[in-house]
Amino acid sequence: MILKKQDCKKDKKTNPFIGILLFLISIVLTLLTGPLGLVYGIFQQLFTKGVRGVGEFCLEMAISVDQLGNVIMQHLFNLLWIKEGGYKFGNRDETISSALGKNKQLDTLTGFGKAIDKILDIIDPNHSLNSIDYYIQPPKKES
């Protein structure tokens, strides 16, 4: 395994148009190839691991969508759900529920944030607290 050396350098400046272009390309590719990958993945998991495999595949997708939501909604959530000085939403490797749980621990949720947390608790008791760093994907076994 080759590991990339990590450093503490500041991110280099990038052209904003490159980011916009790559975002648009990613949307087009997702729309064109996503449905095929979804159908193939469900059948592949169903025939190799059964319903359990489909459930695992769906959980992986749900976590990824949740992480995307954490990035897309970060500015609104930081405004509406947390007090000043709270743990910020927006980490691309973290779910919305994990950031919500960290703010619950820090007691930095606004009234609206607390209401969202209570709704989640009705569905799944202690959901946000249990979601803190909830999912660390194990390495895939080569078949």
N, C-alpha and C. Protein backbone atom coordinates (compact mmCIF):
# COMPACT_ATOMS: atom_id res chain seq x y z
N MET A 1 0.85 -1.17 0.00
CA MET A 1 0.00 0.00 0.00
C MET A 1 0.90 1.24 0.00
N ILE A 2 0.57 2.20 -0.82
CA ILE A 2 1.31 3.45 -0.89
C ILE A 2 0.51 4.50 -0.13
N LEU A 3 1.16 5.11 0.83
CA LEU A 3 0.50 6.16 1.60
C LEU A 3 1.05 7.51 1.17
N LYS A 4 0.19 8.46 1.01
CA LYS A 4 0.60 9.82 0.66
C LYS A 4 1.12 10.50 1.91
N LYS A 5 2.28 11.12 1.78
CA LYS A 5 2.83 11.86 2.91
C LYS A 5 1.95 13.07 3.18
N GLN A 6 1.52 13.21 4.42
CA GLN A 6 0.69 14.35 4.78
C GLN A 6 1.57 15.46 5.32
N ASP A 7 1.22 16.66 4.99
CA ASP A 7 1.95 17.80 5.50
C ASP A 7 0.98 18.83 6.05
N CYS A 8 1.52 19.86 6.61
CA CYS A 8 0.68 20.88 7.24
C CYS A 8 0.70 22.18 6.44
N LYS A 9 0.96 22.08 5.15
CA LYS A 9 0.98 23.27 4.31
C LYS A 9 -0.44 23.77 4.11
N LYS A 10 -0.55 25.07 3.89
CA LYS A 10 -1.84 25.64 3.55
C LYS A 10 -2.24 25.15 2.17
N ASP A 11 -3.54 25.04 1.95
CA ASP A 11 -4.02 24.67 0.62
C ASP A 11 -3.60 25.73 -0.38
N LYS A 12 -3.18 25.28 -1.55
CA LYS A 12 -2.81 26.26 -2.57
C LYS A 12 -4.08 26.83 -3.19
N LYS A 13 -3.95 28.05 -3.69
CA LYS A 13 -5.09 28.71 -4.30
C LYS A 13 -5.42 28.02 -5.62
N THR A 14 -6.71 27.90 -5.88
CA THR A 14 -7.15 27.28 -7.12
C THR A 14 -8.05 28.25 -7.87
N ASN A 15 -8.15 28.02 -9.13
CA ASN A 15 -9.02 28.82 -9.98
C ASN A 15 -10.47 28.45 -9.66
N PRO A 16 -11.32 29.40 -9.29
CA PRO A 16 -12.70 29.07 -8.93
C PRO A 16 -13.47 28.44 -10.10
N PHE A 17 -13.10 28.78 -11.32
CA PHE A 17 -13.80 28.21 -12.47
C PHE A 17 -13.52 26.73 -12.62
N ILE A 18 -12.35 26.27 -12.18
CA ILE A 18 -12.03 24.84 -12.22
C ILE A 18 -12.98 24.09 -11.27
N GLY A 19 -13.19 24.63 -10.09
CA GLY A 19 -14.11 24.01 -9.14
C GLY A 19 -15.53 23.94 -9.68
N ILE A 20 -15.96 25.01 -10.29
CA ILE A 20 -17.31 25.04 -10.86
C ILE A 20 -17.43 24.03 -12.00
N LEU A 21 -16.42 24.00 -12.88
CA LEU A 21 -16.43 23.07 -14.00
C LEU A 21 -16.43 21.62 -13.52
N LEU A 22 -15.59 21.30 -12.56
CA LEU A 22 -15.54 19.93 -12.04
C LEU A 22 -16.85 19.55 -11.36
N PHE A 23 -17.47 20.50 -10.68
CA PHE A 23 -18.77 20.23 -10.06
C PHE A 23 -19.82 19.89 -11.12
N LEU A 24 -19.87 20.68 -12.17
CA LEU A 24 -20.85 20.42 -13.24
C LEU A 24 -20.59 19.08 -13.93
N ILE A 25 -19.33 18.77 -14.17
CA ILE A 25 -18.99 17.47 -14.77
C ILE A 25 -19.42 16.34 -13.85
N SER A 26 -19.20 16.49 -12.55
CA SER A 26 -19.58 15.43 -11.61
C SER A 26 -21.09 15.21 -11.60
N ILE A 27 -21.86 16.28 -11.71
CA ILE A 27 -23.32 16.16 -11.75
C ILE A 27 -23.75 15.40 -13.00
N VAL A 28 -23.20 15.77 -14.16
CA VAL A 28 -23.55 15.11 -15.42
C VAL A 28 -23.19 13.62 -15.35
N LEU A 29 -21.98 13.32 -14.88
CA LEU A 29 -21.57 11.91 -14.80
C LEU A 29 -22.45 11.11 -13.84
N THR A 30 -22.83 11.74 -12.73
CA THR A 30 -23.71 11.06 -11.78
C THR A 30 -25.07 10.76 -12.41
N LEU A 31 -25.62 11.74 -13.12
CA LEU A 31 -26.92 11.54 -13.76
C LEU A 31 -26.87 10.47 -14.86
N LEU A 32 -25.75 10.42 -15.57
CA LEU A 32 -25.63 9.46 -16.67
C LEU A 32 -25.28 8.05 -16.20
N THR A 33 -24.39 7.94 -15.23
CA THR A 33 -23.91 6.61 -14.84
C THR A 33 -24.50 6.11 -13.52
N GLY A 34 -25.03 7.01 -12.69
CA GLY A 34 -25.55 6.62 -11.38
C GLY A 34 -26.63 5.56 -11.42
N PRO A 35 -27.67 5.73 -12.26
CA PRO A 35 -28.72 4.72 -12.28
C PRO A 35 -28.21 3.32 -12.66
N LEU A 36 -27.31 3.26 -13.61
CA LEU A 36 -26.75 1.96 -14.01
C LEU A 36 -25.96 1.35 -12.86
N GLY A 37 -25.13 2.16 -12.21
CA GLY A 37 -24.34 1.66 -11.08
C GLY A 37 -25.22 1.22 -9.92
N LEU A 38 -26.30 1.94 -9.68
CA LEU A 38 -27.23 1.59 -8.61
C LEU A 38 -27.89 0.24 -8.87
N VAL A 39 -28.43 0.07 -10.05
CA VAL A 39 -29.12 -1.19 -10.40
C VAL A 39 -28.13 -2.35 -10.37
N TYR A 40 -26.96 -2.14 -10.98
CA TYR A 40 -25.96 -3.21 -11.00
C TYR A 40 -25.53 -3.56 -9.58
N GLY A 41 -25.26 -2.54 -8.75
CA GLY A 41 -24.82 -2.77 -7.39
C GLY A 41 -25.84 -3.53 -6.56
N ILE A 42 -27.10 -3.18 -6.69
CA ILE A 42 -28.15 -3.88 -5.94
C ILE A 42 -28.21 -5.35 -6.34
N PHE A 43 -28.21 -5.62 -7.65
CA PHE A 43 -28.27 -7.01 -8.09
C PHE A 43 -27.00 -7.77 -7.73
N GLN A 44 -25.85 -7.13 -7.86
CA GLN A 44 -24.59 -7.79 -7.52
C GLN A 44 -24.58 -8.18 -6.05
N GLN A 45 -24.98 -7.28 -5.17
CA GLN A 45 -25.02 -7.56 -3.74
C GLN A 45 -26.09 -8.61 -3.41
N LEU A 46 -27.23 -8.51 -4.07
CA LEU A 46 -28.31 -9.46 -3.83
C LEU A 46 -27.87 -10.88 -4.16
N PHE A 47 -27.19 -11.05 -5.29
CA PHE A 47 -26.80 -12.39 -5.72
C PHE A 47 -25.54 -12.90 -5.03
N THR A 48 -24.71 -12.03 -4.47
CA THR A 48 -23.51 -12.50 -3.79
C THR A 48 -23.68 -12.57 -2.27
N LYS A 49 -24.46 -11.64 -1.69
CA LYS A 49 -24.59 -11.59 -0.23
C LYS A 49 -26.03 -11.63 0.25
N GLY A 50 -26.97 -11.64 -0.68
CA GLY A 50 -28.38 -11.67 -0.31
C GLY A 50 -28.88 -10.32 0.16
N VAL A 51 -29.96 -10.34 0.89
CA VAL A 51 -30.60 -9.11 1.36
C VAL A 51 -29.65 -8.33 2.27
N ARG A 52 -28.84 -9.03 3.04
CA ARG A 52 -27.88 -8.36 3.92
C ARG A 52 -26.92 -7.50 3.10
N GLY A 53 -26.47 -8.02 1.96
CA GLY A 53 -25.58 -7.26 1.09
C GLY A 53 -26.24 -6.02 0.53
N VAL A 54 -27.52 -6.14 0.17
CA VAL A 54 -28.25 -4.98 -0.33
C VAL A 54 -28.37 -3.94 0.78
N GLY A 55 -28.64 -4.39 2.00
CA GLY A 55 -28.72 -3.47 3.14
C GLY A 55 -27.41 -2.75 3.39
N GLU A 56 -26.30 -3.46 3.30
CA GLU A 56 -24.99 -2.85 3.49
C GLU A 56 -24.71 -1.82 2.40
N PHE A 57 -25.05 -2.17 1.16
CA PHE A 57 -24.86 -1.26 0.02
C PHE A 57 -25.70 0.00 0.22
N CYS A 58 -26.93 -0.16 0.65
CA CYS A 58 -27.81 0.99 0.88
C CYS A 58 -27.28 1.86 2.03
N LEU A 59 -26.75 1.23 3.08
CA LEU A 59 -26.17 1.99 4.19
C LEU A 59 -24.98 2.82 3.71
N GLU A 60 -24.12 2.22 2.89
CA GLU A 60 -22.98 2.97 2.34
C GLU A 60 -23.45 4.18 1.54
N MET A 61 -24.48 3.99 0.73
CA MET A 61 -25.01 5.10 -0.06
C MET A 61 -25.64 6.15 0.84
N ALA A 62 -26.39 5.72 1.87
CA ALA A 62 -27.05 6.67 2.77
C ALA A 62 -26.01 7.53 3.49
N ILE A 63 -24.92 6.94 3.93
CA ILE A 63 -23.88 7.69 4.61
C ILE A 63 -23.24 8.68 3.66
N SER A 64 -23.00 8.26 2.43
CA SER A 64 -22.40 9.17 1.44
C SER A 64 -23.32 10.34 1.12
N VAL A 65 -24.61 10.07 0.99
CA VAL A 65 -25.57 11.15 0.73
C VAL A 65 -25.63 12.09 1.93
N ASP A 66 -25.58 11.54 3.14
CA ASP A 66 -25.59 12.34 4.35
C ASP A 66 -24.35 13.23 4.41
N GLN A 67 -23.19 12.70 4.04
CA GLN A 67 -21.97 13.49 4.02
C GLN A 67 -22.08 14.62 3.00
N LEU A 68 -22.66 14.32 1.85
CA LEU A 68 -22.88 15.35 0.84
C LEU A 68 -23.80 16.44 1.39
N GLY A 69 -24.85 16.03 2.08
CA GLY A 69 -25.77 16.99 2.69
C GLY A 69 -25.06 17.87 3.71
N ASN A 70 -24.11 17.31 4.44
CA ASN A 70 -23.35 18.08 5.42
C ASN A 70 -22.55 19.18 4.74
N VAL A 71 -22.06 18.93 3.55
CA VAL A 71 -21.31 19.95 2.80
C VAL A 71 -22.27 20.95 2.17
N ILE A 72 -23.30 20.46 1.49
CA ILE A 72 -24.22 21.34 0.79
C ILE A 72 -24.96 22.28 1.75
N MET A 73 -25.37 21.77 2.88
CA MET A 73 -26.20 22.53 3.81
C MET A 73 -25.42 23.23 4.92
N GLN A 74 -24.09 23.17 4.88
CA GLN A 74 -23.29 23.67 5.99
C GLN A 74 -23.59 25.12 6.37
N HIS A 75 -23.73 25.99 5.43
CA HIS A 75 -23.94 27.41 5.75
C HIS A 75 -25.28 27.63 6.44
N LEU A 76 -26.31 26.96 5.94
CA LEU A 76 -27.64 27.08 6.55
C LEU A 76 -27.68 26.43 7.93
N PHE A 77 -27.11 25.23 8.06
CA PHE A 77 -27.09 24.56 9.37
C PHE A 77 -26.28 25.34 10.39
N ASN A 78 -25.14 25.89 9.97
CA ASN A 78 -24.32 26.69 10.89
C ASN A 78 -25.07 27.92 11.37
N LEU A 79 -25.94 28.45 10.53
CA LEU A 79 -26.73 29.63 10.90
C LEU A 79 -27.91 29.26 11.80
N LEU A 80 -28.63 28.19 11.43
CA LEU A 80 -29.90 27.87 12.10
C LEU A 80 -29.79 26.88 13.26
N TRP A 81 -28.83 25.98 13.22
CA TRP A 81 -28.82 24.88 14.17
C TRP A 81 -27.84 25.02 15.32
N ILE A 82 -26.83 25.88 15.18
CA ILE A 82 -25.82 25.98 16.24
C ILE A 82 -25.62 27.43 16.68
N LYS A 83 -25.22 27.55 17.94
CA LYS A 83 -24.88 28.86 18.50
C LYS A 83 -23.46 29.23 18.06
N GLU A 84 -23.15 30.50 18.22
CA GLU A 84 -21.80 30.97 17.90
C GLU A 84 -20.78 30.19 18.72
N GLY A 85 -19.73 29.74 18.06
CA GLY A 85 -18.69 28.97 18.74
C GLY A 85 -18.94 27.48 18.74
N GLY A 86 -20.05 27.04 18.14
CA GLY A 86 -20.35 25.62 18.08
C GLY A 86 -19.48 24.90 17.06
N TYR A 87 -19.57 23.59 17.08
CA TYR A 87 -18.84 22.76 16.13
C TYR A 87 -19.49 22.94 14.76
N LYS A 88 -18.71 23.32 13.77
CA LYS A 88 -19.24 23.67 12.46
C LYS A 88 -19.61 22.45 11.61
N PHE A 89 -20.70 22.58 10.89
CA PHE A 89 -21.08 21.61 9.88
C PHE A 89 -20.21 21.87 8.64
N GLY A 90 -20.09 20.86 7.78
CA GLY A 90 -19.39 21.07 6.52
C GLY A 90 -18.23 20.13 6.26
N ASN A 91 -17.83 19.34 7.24
CA ASN A 91 -16.74 18.39 7.02
C ASN A 91 -17.21 17.32 6.03
N ARG A 92 -16.53 17.21 4.89
CA ARG A 92 -16.97 16.29 3.84
C ARG A 92 -16.85 14.83 4.24
N ASP A 93 -16.14 14.53 5.32
CA ASP A 93 -15.99 13.14 5.77
C ASP A 93 -16.87 12.83 6.97
N GLU A 94 -17.85 13.68 7.24
CA GLU A 94 -18.68 13.52 8.43
C GLU A 94 -20.16 13.63 8.06
N THR A 95 -21.00 12.90 8.75
CA THR A 95 -22.44 12.98 8.50
C THR A 95 -23.03 14.18 9.26
N ILE A 96 -24.20 14.56 8.82
CA ILE A 96 -24.94 15.64 9.50
C ILE A 96 -25.19 15.25 10.95
N SER A 97 -25.59 14.01 11.17
CA SER A 97 -25.91 13.55 12.52
C SER A 97 -24.70 13.59 13.45
N SER A 98 -23.53 13.29 12.92
CA SER A 98 -22.31 13.34 13.73
C SER A 98 -22.04 14.76 14.20
N ALA A 99 -22.13 15.73 13.29
CA ALA A 99 -21.91 17.13 13.67
C ALA A 99 -23.00 17.60 14.64
N LEU A 100 -24.22 17.14 14.42
CA LEU A 100 -25.32 17.48 15.33
C LEU A 100 -25.03 16.92 16.72
N GLY A 101 -24.56 15.68 16.79
CA GLY A 101 -24.23 15.05 18.07
C GLY A 101 -23.11 15.76 18.80
N LYS A 102 -22.09 16.21 18.06
CA LYS A 102 -20.98 16.94 18.69
C LYS A 102 -21.49 18.25 19.28
N ASN A 103 -22.40 18.91 18.60
CA ASN A 103 -22.97 20.14 19.14
C ASN A 103 -23.88 19.87 20.32
N LYS A 104 -24.54 18.73 20.30
CA LYS A 104 -25.36 18.35 21.46
C LYS A 104 -24.46 18.16 22.68
N GLN A 105 -23.34 17.48 22.50
CA GLN A 105 -22.39 17.29 23.61
C GLN A 105 -21.85 18.62 24.12
N LEU A 106 -21.60 19.54 23.20
CA LEU A 106 -21.04 20.85 23.57
C LEU A 106 -22.10 21.83 24.08
N ASP A 107 -23.38 21.42 24.01
CA ASP A 107 -24.52 22.26 24.39
C ASP A 107 -24.51 23.57 23.58
N THR A 108 -24.28 23.42 22.26
CA THR A 108 -24.25 24.59 21.38
C THR A 108 -25.36 24.53 20.33
N LEU A 109 -26.36 23.70 20.54
CA LEU A 109 -27.50 23.67 19.61
C LEU A 109 -28.46 24.80 19.93
N THR A 110 -29.00 25.41 18.89
CA THR A 110 -30.07 26.39 19.06
C THR A 110 -31.36 25.64 19.34
N GLY A 111 -32.43 26.36 19.57
CA GLY A 111 -33.73 25.72 19.76
C GLY A 111 -34.13 24.89 18.55
N PHE A 112 -33.87 25.41 17.36
CA PHE A 112 -34.18 24.68 16.13
C PHE A 112 -33.33 23.42 16.03
N GLY A 113 -32.04 23.53 16.36
CA GLY A 113 -31.16 22.37 16.35
C GLY A 113 -31.61 21.31 17.34
N LYS A 114 -32.04 21.74 18.51
CA LYS A 114 -32.54 20.80 19.52
C LYS A 114 -33.81 20.11 19.04
N ALA A 115 -34.67 20.85 18.34
CA ALA A 115 -35.91 20.26 17.80
C ALA A 115 -35.58 19.19 16.76
N ILE A 116 -34.63 19.46 15.88
CA ILE A 116 -34.22 18.46 14.89
C ILE A 116 -33.67 17.23 15.59
N ASP A 117 -32.85 17.45 16.62
CA ASP A 117 -32.27 16.34 17.37
C ASP A 117 -33.36 15.51 18.04
N LYS A 118 -34.39 16.15 18.59
CA LYS A 118 -35.48 15.42 19.24
C LYS A 118 -36.27 14.58 18.23
N ILE A 119 -36.48 15.13 17.05
CA ILE A 119 -37.17 14.37 16.00
C ILE A 119 -36.38 13.12 15.66
N LEU A 120 -35.08 13.27 15.51
CA LEU A 120 -34.23 12.11 15.22
C LEU A 120 -34.25 11.11 16.37
N ASP A 121 -34.31 11.61 17.62
CA ASP A 121 -34.37 10.72 18.77
C ASP A 121 -35.66 9.90 18.81
N ILE A 122 -36.74 10.45 18.30
CA ILE A 122 -38.00 9.69 18.23
C ILE A 122 -37.85 8.52 17.27
N ILE A 123 -37.19 8.77 16.15
CA ILE A 123 -36.99 7.73 15.13
C ILE A 123 -35.97 6.70 15.60
N ASP A 124 -34.86 7.19 16.19
CA ASP A 124 -33.75 6.35 16.62
C ASP A 124 -33.16 6.96 17.88
N PRO A 125 -33.49 6.40 19.08
CA PRO A 125 -33.03 7.00 20.33
C PRO A 125 -31.51 7.26 20.34
N ASN A 126 -31.13 8.45 20.79
CA ASN A 126 -29.73 8.90 20.87
C ASN A 126 -29.02 8.86 19.52
N HIS A 127 -29.77 9.11 18.46
CA HIS A 127 -29.22 9.00 17.11
C HIS A 127 -27.99 9.87 16.90
N SER A 128 -28.07 11.14 17.24
CA SER A 128 -26.94 12.03 16.95
C SER A 128 -25.72 11.68 17.80
N LEU A 129 -25.93 11.33 19.05
CA LEU A 129 -24.79 10.94 19.89
C LEU A 129 -24.17 9.64 19.40
N ASN A 130 -25.01 8.70 19.00
CA ASN A 130 -24.50 7.43 18.48
C ASN A 130 -23.84 7.58 17.11
N SER A 131 -24.14 8.67 16.43
CA SER A 131 -23.61 8.89 15.08
C SER A 131 -22.24 9.56 15.07
N ILE A 132 -21.79 10.00 16.20
CA ILE A 132 -20.49 10.66 16.24
C ILE A 132 -19.43 9.67 15.81
N ASP A 133 -18.76 10.01 14.71
CA ASP A 133 -17.75 9.13 14.13
C ASP A 133 -18.26 7.69 14.02
N TYR A 134 -19.54 7.55 13.69
CA TYR A 134 -20.22 6.26 13.67
C TYR A 134 -19.65 5.27 12.68
N TYR A 135 -19.36 5.72 11.50
CA TYR A 135 -19.05 4.76 10.45
C TYR A 135 -17.64 4.95 9.92
N ILE A 136 -16.79 4.00 10.24
CA ILE A 136 -15.47 3.97 9.65
C ILE A 136 -15.44 2.72 8.79
N GLN A 137 -15.34 2.93 7.50
CA GLN A 137 -15.46 1.83 6.56
C GLN A 137 -14.26 0.90 6.67
N PRO A 138 -14.50 -0.39 6.92
CA PRO A 138 -13.38 -1.33 6.96
C PRO A 138 -12.82 -1.54 5.56
N PRO A 139 -11.55 -1.97 5.48
CA PRO A 139 -10.99 -2.22 4.15
C PRO A 139 -11.76 -3.34 3.44
N LYS A 140 -11.93 -3.18 2.16
CA LYS A 140 -12.64 -4.19 1.37
C LYS A 140 -11.77 -5.42 1.22
N LYS A 141 -12.37 -6.59 1.40
CA LYS A 141 -11.65 -7.84 1.17
C LYS A 141 -11.68 -8.14 -0.32
N GLU A 142 -10.53 -8.47 -0.86
CA GLU A 142 -10.48 -8.82 -2.28
C GLU A 142 -11.12 -10.19 -2.46
N SER A 143 -12.01 -10.30 -3.41
CA SER A 143 -12.73 -11.56 -3.64
C SER A 143 -11.96 -12.45 -4.58
